[in-house]
Amino acid sequence: MHTTVVERELEIDLVLSPERSIPVPSRLSYRTADPYAVHIAFHVTSEAPVYWTFARELLVEGVFRPCGSGDVRVWPTRTDGRSVVCMALSSPDGAALLEAPAPAVAAWLERTLLVVAPGSERERLELDAALREILGA
C-alpha cells in the first residue's frame, strides 16, 4: 500500500503575551503510513524546525471544543474577529501557546479525513502483514 501525504503550509502565531505574538511559518503534515497522527513543523529561528506529533483525533476535536490534557491541549476561540485554533504545547524544553487560523486547519483536516476516514486508521497500519513478516509466515 503506498503512502499518501497531505500537507499544508501556513503561518501560525506564537503568542508571547496577551498583546504580542509573532508569525511562525509552519507545515501541517499527515501521512497515511502513520494514520493516527498529525505532524507540525515550526520553522522558528533555530537551524532545524521544531517538530510536534500528536493525535489527529485531538486536533479534529479541538477545532470544535476544548480537549486534551498534559503536553497537548487544543481549543477553538476568536481573536481579533477571526476564528483560531489554539494549541498549548509543553515539553521539558519549554512551553508554547500557538494560534492557527481555524478555516485553514479545518480545510486541511477535512482533506486528511477524506484520505483516511475516522475509524479506518487501523486498516492502514497493515499489522497482519507486519506480523507475518516478523514471524516469517
N, C-alpha and C. Protein backbone atom coordinates (compact mmCIF):
# COMPACT_ATOMS: atom_id res chain seq x y z
N MET A 1 0.86 -1.17 0.00
CA MET A 1 0.00 0.00 0.00
C MET A 1 0.90 1.24 0.00
N HIS A 2 0.66 2.15 -0.88
CA HIS A 2 1.51 3.33 -0.95
C HIS A 2 1.07 4.38 0.08
N THR A 3 2.00 5.24 0.43
CA THR A 3 1.73 6.27 1.43
C THR A 3 1.29 7.56 0.74
N THR A 4 0.22 8.13 1.23
CA THR A 4 -0.24 9.44 0.77
C THR A 4 0.11 10.45 1.85
N VAL A 5 0.57 11.62 1.42
CA VAL A 5 0.92 12.69 2.35
C VAL A 5 0.03 13.89 2.04
N VAL A 6 -0.58 14.45 3.08
CA VAL A 6 -1.41 15.64 2.94
C VAL A 6 -0.73 16.74 3.74
N GLU A 7 -0.27 17.79 3.05
CA GLU A 7 0.45 18.87 3.72
C GLU A 7 -0.21 20.21 3.48
N ARG A 8 0.10 21.13 4.38
CA ARG A 8 -0.41 22.50 4.27
C ARG A 8 0.59 23.43 4.93
N GLU A 9 1.06 24.40 4.19
CA GLU A 9 1.94 25.44 4.73
C GLU A 9 1.04 26.57 5.23
N LEU A 10 1.34 27.10 6.40
CA LEU A 10 0.61 28.26 6.89
C LEU A 10 1.40 28.93 7.99
N GLU A 11 1.01 30.16 8.28
CA GLU A 11 1.62 30.87 9.40
C GLU A 11 0.77 30.66 10.63
N ILE A 12 1.44 30.25 11.69
CA ILE A 12 0.80 30.05 12.98
C ILE A 12 1.40 31.08 13.93
N ASP A 13 0.56 31.77 14.68
CA ASP A 13 1.06 32.79 15.60
C ASP A 13 1.54 32.17 16.90
N LEU A 14 2.77 32.51 17.28
CA LEU A 14 3.31 32.14 18.58
C LEU A 14 2.96 33.28 19.53
N VAL A 15 2.14 33.01 20.53
CA VAL A 15 1.67 34.03 21.45
C VAL A 15 2.73 34.24 22.54
N LEU A 16 3.28 35.45 22.57
CA LEU A 16 4.31 35.79 23.56
C LEU A 16 3.70 36.42 24.81
N SER A 17 2.62 37.16 24.60
CA SER A 17 1.88 37.79 25.70
C SER A 17 0.50 38.11 25.16
N PRO A 18 -0.43 38.55 26.03
CA PRO A 18 -1.76 38.89 25.51
C PRO A 18 -1.72 39.99 24.43
N GLU A 19 -0.70 40.81 24.44
CA GLU A 19 -0.61 41.92 23.48
C GLU A 19 0.31 41.63 22.29
N ARG A 20 1.08 40.57 22.36
CA ARG A 20 2.12 40.37 21.35
C ARG A 20 2.22 38.91 20.90
N SER A 21 2.28 38.73 19.58
CA SER A 21 2.53 37.41 19.01
C SER A 21 3.39 37.58 17.76
N ILE A 22 4.04 36.52 17.37
CA ILE A 22 4.85 36.56 16.15
C ILE A 22 4.44 35.42 15.23
N PRO A 23 4.38 35.69 13.93
CA PRO A 23 4.02 34.63 12.98
C PRO A 23 5.18 33.65 12.81
N VAL A 24 4.85 32.37 12.77
CA VAL A 24 5.85 31.32 12.60
C VAL A 24 5.46 30.49 11.38
N PRO A 25 6.29 30.48 10.35
CA PRO A 25 5.99 29.62 9.20
C PRO A 25 5.94 28.17 9.67
N SER A 26 4.89 27.46 9.27
CA SER A 26 4.67 26.10 9.76
C SER A 26 4.17 25.21 8.64
N ARG A 27 4.33 23.91 8.86
CA ARG A 27 3.81 22.93 7.91
C ARG A 27 3.04 21.86 8.68
N LEU A 28 1.77 21.71 8.32
CA LEU A 28 0.95 20.62 8.83
C LEU A 28 1.16 19.44 7.90
N SER A 29 1.33 18.27 8.46
CA SER A 29 1.59 17.10 7.63
C SER A 29 0.85 15.89 8.19
N TYR A 30 0.27 15.12 7.28
CA TYR A 30 -0.43 13.88 7.64
C TYR A 30 0.02 12.81 6.66
N ARG A 31 0.37 11.65 7.18
CA ARG A 31 0.83 10.54 6.34
C ARG A 31 -0.05 9.32 6.60
N THR A 32 -0.50 8.71 5.52
CA THR A 32 -1.35 7.53 5.69
C THR A 32 -0.59 6.37 6.34
N ALA A 33 0.73 6.38 6.27
CA ALA A 33 1.53 5.34 6.92
C ALA A 33 1.51 5.49 8.45
N ASP A 34 1.13 6.66 8.92
CA ASP A 34 1.03 6.95 10.36
C ASP A 34 -0.36 7.56 10.59
N PRO A 35 -1.42 6.75 10.39
CA PRO A 35 -2.77 7.29 10.24
C PRO A 35 -3.40 7.92 11.48
N TYR A 36 -2.86 7.68 12.64
CA TYR A 36 -3.44 8.26 13.85
C TYR A 36 -2.85 9.63 14.19
N ALA A 37 -1.77 10.01 13.54
CA ALA A 37 -1.01 11.20 13.97
C ALA A 37 -1.04 12.34 12.96
N VAL A 38 -0.90 13.54 13.50
CA VAL A 38 -0.61 14.73 12.69
C VAL A 38 0.77 15.22 13.11
N HIS A 39 1.46 15.83 12.18
CA HIS A 39 2.81 16.34 12.43
C HIS A 39 2.82 17.82 12.09
N ILE A 40 3.43 18.59 12.95
CA ILE A 40 3.56 20.02 12.69
C ILE A 40 5.03 20.39 12.81
N ALA A 41 5.56 21.04 11.79
CA ALA A 41 6.93 21.55 11.81
C ALA A 41 6.85 23.06 11.93
N PHE A 42 7.47 23.59 12.96
CA PHE A 42 7.52 25.04 13.17
C PHE A 42 8.90 25.52 12.77
N HIS A 43 8.95 26.46 11.84
CA HIS A 43 10.23 26.98 11.37
C HIS A 43 10.56 28.24 12.15
N VAL A 44 11.12 28.02 13.33
CA VAL A 44 11.49 29.14 14.20
C VAL A 44 12.91 29.56 13.87
N THR A 45 13.51 30.36 14.73
CA THR A 45 14.82 30.91 14.43
C THR A 45 15.97 29.92 14.54
N SER A 46 15.73 28.71 15.02
CA SER A 46 16.78 27.71 15.12
C SER A 46 17.12 27.15 13.74
N GLU A 47 18.26 26.45 13.65
CA GLU A 47 18.69 25.88 12.37
C GLU A 47 17.69 24.87 11.83
N ALA A 48 17.20 24.01 12.71
CA ALA A 48 16.26 22.97 12.30
C ALA A 48 14.87 23.31 12.80
N PRO A 49 13.84 22.90 12.08
CA PRO A 49 12.47 23.14 12.56
C PRO A 49 12.22 22.42 13.88
N VAL A 50 11.22 22.89 14.60
CA VAL A 50 10.75 22.22 15.81
C VAL A 50 9.56 21.37 15.40
N TYR A 51 9.61 20.08 15.72
CA TYR A 51 8.56 19.15 15.30
C TYR A 51 7.69 18.74 16.49
N TRP A 52 6.40 18.68 16.24
CA TRP A 52 5.45 18.13 17.21
C TRP A 52 4.58 17.12 16.49
N THR A 53 4.29 16.02 17.18
CA THR A 53 3.40 14.99 16.66
C THR A 53 2.39 14.67 17.74
N PHE A 54 1.12 14.65 17.35
CA PHE A 54 0.08 14.25 18.29
C PHE A 54 -1.10 13.68 17.53
N ALA A 55 -2.09 13.21 18.25
CA ALA A 55 -3.22 12.51 17.65
C ALA A 55 -4.05 13.41 16.73
N ARG A 56 -4.34 12.90 15.54
CA ARG A 56 -5.21 13.64 14.62
C ARG A 56 -6.57 13.88 15.26
N GLU A 57 -7.06 12.88 15.98
CA GLU A 57 -8.36 12.99 16.64
C GLU A 57 -8.40 14.18 17.61
N LEU A 58 -7.29 14.44 18.28
CA LEU A 58 -7.20 15.57 19.21
C LEU A 58 -7.36 16.90 18.47
N LEU A 59 -6.71 17.04 17.32
CA LEU A 59 -6.84 18.27 16.55
C LEU A 59 -8.23 18.41 15.95
N VAL A 60 -8.80 17.30 15.47
CA VAL A 60 -10.16 17.34 14.92
C VAL A 60 -11.14 17.82 15.99
N GLU A 61 -11.06 17.22 17.17
CA GLU A 61 -11.96 17.62 18.25
C GLU A 61 -11.70 19.06 18.69
N GLY A 62 -10.41 19.45 18.73
CA GLY A 62 -10.04 20.79 19.18
C GLY A 62 -10.53 21.92 18.28
N VAL A 63 -10.88 21.61 17.05
CA VAL A 63 -11.45 22.62 16.15
C VAL A 63 -12.84 23.02 16.66
N PHE A 64 -13.52 22.09 17.35
CA PHE A 64 -14.90 22.32 17.79
C PHE A 64 -15.06 22.61 19.28
N ARG A 65 -14.19 22.02 20.13
CA ARG A 65 -14.34 22.19 21.59
C ARG A 65 -13.00 21.94 22.26
N PRO A 66 -12.83 22.46 23.46
CA PRO A 66 -11.57 22.24 24.18
C PRO A 66 -11.35 20.76 24.45
N CYS A 67 -10.11 20.32 24.26
CA CYS A 67 -9.77 18.92 24.52
C CYS A 67 -8.28 18.79 24.80
N GLY A 68 -7.92 17.63 25.25
CA GLY A 68 -6.52 17.34 25.54
C GLY A 68 -6.18 17.64 26.99
N SER A 69 -5.06 17.09 27.40
CA SER A 69 -4.54 17.34 28.73
C SER A 69 -3.04 17.07 28.68
N GLY A 70 -2.34 17.53 29.66
CA GLY A 70 -0.91 17.27 29.68
C GLY A 70 -0.15 18.09 28.66
N ASP A 71 0.62 17.42 27.82
CA ASP A 71 1.54 18.10 26.89
C ASP A 71 0.85 18.82 25.74
N VAL A 72 -0.34 18.37 25.36
CA VAL A 72 -1.03 18.98 24.21
C VAL A 72 -2.48 19.26 24.59
N ARG A 73 -2.85 20.53 24.48
CA ARG A 73 -4.24 20.94 24.68
C ARG A 73 -4.63 21.78 23.48
N VAL A 74 -5.87 21.60 23.01
CA VAL A 74 -6.34 22.29 21.80
C VAL A 74 -7.75 22.80 22.06
N TRP A 75 -8.04 24.03 21.58
CA TRP A 75 -9.38 24.58 21.74
C TRP A 75 -9.63 25.67 20.70
N PRO A 76 -10.90 25.85 20.33
CA PRO A 76 -11.26 26.92 19.38
C PRO A 76 -11.55 28.21 20.14
N THR A 77 -11.29 29.33 19.48
CA THR A 77 -11.65 30.63 20.07
C THR A 77 -11.68 31.67 18.95
N ARG A 78 -12.00 32.88 19.33
CA ARG A 78 -11.97 34.00 18.38
C ARG A 78 -10.98 35.03 18.92
N THR A 79 -10.15 35.54 18.04
CA THR A 79 -9.17 36.55 18.38
C THR A 79 -9.22 37.63 17.32
N ASP A 80 -9.42 38.85 17.74
CA ASP A 80 -9.49 39.98 16.80
C ASP A 80 -10.46 39.71 15.65
N GLY A 81 -11.60 39.11 15.98
CA GLY A 81 -12.63 38.87 14.99
C GLY A 81 -12.39 37.70 14.07
N ARG A 82 -11.36 36.92 14.31
CA ARG A 82 -11.11 35.76 13.45
C ARG A 82 -11.13 34.48 14.27
N SER A 83 -11.56 33.40 13.64
CA SER A 83 -11.61 32.09 14.29
C SER A 83 -10.23 31.47 14.27
N VAL A 84 -9.78 31.03 15.43
CA VAL A 84 -8.48 30.39 15.53
C VAL A 84 -8.59 29.09 16.33
N VAL A 85 -7.63 28.23 16.11
CA VAL A 85 -7.47 27.02 16.91
C VAL A 85 -6.22 27.25 17.75
N CYS A 86 -6.40 27.22 19.06
CA CYS A 86 -5.27 27.39 19.97
C CYS A 86 -4.68 26.03 20.29
N MET A 87 -3.36 26.00 20.36
CA MET A 87 -2.65 24.78 20.75
C MET A 87 -1.66 25.16 21.84
N ALA A 88 -1.82 24.56 23.00
CA ALA A 88 -0.87 24.76 24.09
C ALA A 88 0.00 23.51 24.13
N LEU A 89 1.29 23.68 23.85
CA LEU A 89 2.23 22.57 23.78
C LEU A 89 3.27 22.75 24.88
N SER A 90 3.56 21.67 25.59
CA SER A 90 4.59 21.77 26.62
C SER A 90 5.46 20.52 26.60
N SER A 91 6.72 20.73 26.91
CA SER A 91 7.70 19.64 26.97
C SER A 91 8.75 20.03 27.99
N PRO A 92 9.67 19.14 28.30
CA PRO A 92 10.75 19.52 29.22
C PRO A 92 11.58 20.69 28.70
N ASP A 93 11.55 20.92 27.38
CA ASP A 93 12.32 22.02 26.79
C ASP A 93 11.61 23.36 26.85
N GLY A 94 10.32 23.37 27.20
CA GLY A 94 9.59 24.63 27.27
C GLY A 94 8.13 24.45 26.90
N ALA A 95 7.45 25.58 26.82
CA ALA A 95 6.02 25.57 26.50
C ALA A 95 5.74 26.65 25.48
N ALA A 96 4.67 26.45 24.72
CA ALA A 96 4.29 27.44 23.71
C ALA A 96 2.78 27.46 23.57
N LEU A 97 2.26 28.65 23.34
CA LEU A 97 0.85 28.84 23.01
C LEU A 97 0.81 29.32 21.57
N LEU A 98 0.09 28.59 20.73
CA LEU A 98 0.02 28.90 19.31
C LEU A 98 -1.41 29.10 18.88
N GLU A 99 -1.60 29.99 17.91
CA GLU A 99 -2.92 30.23 17.33
C GLU A 99 -2.84 30.03 15.83
N ALA A 100 -3.63 29.09 15.34
CA ALA A 100 -3.66 28.79 13.91
C ALA A 100 -5.01 29.21 13.35
N PRO A 101 -5.04 29.69 12.11
CA PRO A 101 -6.33 30.07 11.51
C PRO A 101 -7.24 28.85 11.37
N ALA A 102 -8.39 28.90 12.04
CA ALA A 102 -9.30 27.76 12.07
C ALA A 102 -9.75 27.30 10.69
N PRO A 103 -10.12 28.21 9.77
CA PRO A 103 -10.56 27.73 8.45
C PRO A 103 -9.48 26.93 7.72
N ALA A 104 -8.22 27.35 7.81
CA ALA A 104 -7.13 26.64 7.13
C ALA A 104 -6.90 25.27 7.78
N VAL A 105 -6.91 25.22 9.10
CA VAL A 105 -6.72 23.94 9.81
C VAL A 105 -7.88 23.00 9.50
N ALA A 106 -9.11 23.50 9.55
CA ALA A 106 -10.28 22.66 9.28
C ALA A 106 -10.26 22.13 7.85
N ALA A 107 -9.89 22.95 6.88
CA ALA A 107 -9.84 22.51 5.49
C ALA A 107 -8.78 21.43 5.31
N TRP A 108 -7.62 21.60 5.94
CA TRP A 108 -6.56 20.60 5.86
C TRP A 108 -7.01 19.30 6.53
N LEU A 109 -7.62 19.40 7.70
CA LEU A 109 -8.11 18.20 8.39
C LEU A 109 -9.15 17.47 7.55
N GLU A 110 -10.00 18.22 6.89
CA GLU A 110 -11.01 17.60 6.02
C GLU A 110 -10.35 16.77 4.93
N ARG A 111 -9.26 17.29 4.37
CA ARG A 111 -8.52 16.53 3.35
C ARG A 111 -7.95 15.25 3.94
N THR A 112 -7.44 15.30 5.18
CA THR A 112 -6.90 14.08 5.80
C THR A 112 -8.01 13.07 6.05
N LEU A 113 -9.19 13.55 6.42
CA LEU A 113 -10.31 12.66 6.70
C LEU A 113 -10.85 12.01 5.43
N LEU A 114 -10.69 12.68 4.29
CA LEU A 114 -11.08 12.08 3.01
C LEU A 114 -10.12 10.97 2.61
N VAL A 115 -8.85 11.13 2.97
CA VAL A 115 -7.83 10.14 2.63
C VAL A 115 -7.95 8.91 3.53
N VAL A 116 -8.12 9.14 4.83
CA VAL A 116 -8.31 8.05 5.80
C VAL A 116 -9.48 8.45 6.69
N ALA A 117 -10.61 7.79 6.48
CA ALA A 117 -11.82 8.11 7.24
C ALA A 117 -11.63 7.77 8.72
N PRO A 118 -12.27 8.56 9.59
CA PRO A 118 -12.21 8.24 11.02
C PRO A 118 -12.71 6.82 11.27
N GLY A 119 -11.99 6.08 12.07
CA GLY A 119 -12.36 4.70 12.37
C GLY A 119 -11.72 3.68 11.45
N SER A 120 -11.13 4.13 10.34
CA SER A 120 -10.49 3.18 9.41
C SER A 120 -8.96 3.23 9.50
N GLU A 121 -8.44 3.95 10.48
CA GLU A 121 -6.98 4.08 10.61
C GLU A 121 -6.28 2.73 10.76
N ARG A 122 -6.89 1.84 11.54
CA ARG A 122 -6.26 0.54 11.82
C ARG A 122 -5.98 -0.23 10.53
N GLU A 123 -6.88 -0.11 9.56
CA GLU A 123 -6.70 -0.81 8.28
C GLU A 123 -5.44 -0.35 7.57
N ARG A 124 -5.04 0.90 7.78
CA ARG A 124 -3.86 1.45 7.10
C ARG A 124 -2.55 0.98 7.73
N LEU A 125 -2.61 0.45 8.93
CA LEU A 125 -1.39 0.06 9.63
C LEU A 125 -0.77 -1.22 9.10
N GLU A 126 -1.56 -2.05 8.41
CA GLU A 126 -1.09 -3.30 7.85
C GLU A 126 -0.40 -4.15 8.93
N LEU A 127 -1.04 -4.27 10.08
CA LEU A 127 -0.47 -5.03 11.19
C LEU A 127 -0.30 -6.51 10.85
N ASP A 128 -1.28 -7.08 10.15
CA ASP A 128 -1.20 -8.50 9.81
C ASP A 128 0.01 -8.78 8.93
N ALA A 129 0.25 -7.93 7.93
CA ALA A 129 1.40 -8.11 7.05
C ALA A 129 2.71 -7.95 7.82
N ALA A 130 2.75 -6.99 8.72
CA ALA A 130 3.96 -6.79 9.53
C ALA A 130 4.23 -7.99 10.44
N LEU A 131 3.17 -8.54 11.04
CA LEU A 131 3.32 -9.71 11.89
C LEU A 131 3.79 -10.92 11.09
N ARG A 132 3.23 -11.11 9.89
CA ARG A 132 3.66 -12.23 9.03
C ARG A 132 5.15 -12.09 8.70
N GLU A 133 5.57 -10.86 8.41
CA GLU A 133 6.97 -10.63 8.08
C GLU A 133 7.88 -10.92 9.29
N ILE A 134 7.47 -10.47 10.45
CA ILE A 134 8.25 -10.69 11.66
C ILE A 134 8.33 -12.18 12.00
N LEU A 135 7.21 -12.87 11.87
CA LEU A 135 7.14 -14.28 12.23
C LEU A 135 7.62 -15.21 11.10
N GLY A 136 7.88 -14.62 9.96
CA GLY A 136 8.38 -15.42 8.83
C GLY A 136 7.32 -16.35 8.25
N ALA A 137 6.08 -15.99 8.42
CA ALA A 137 4.99 -16.85 7.90
C ALA A 137 4.66 -16.51 6.48
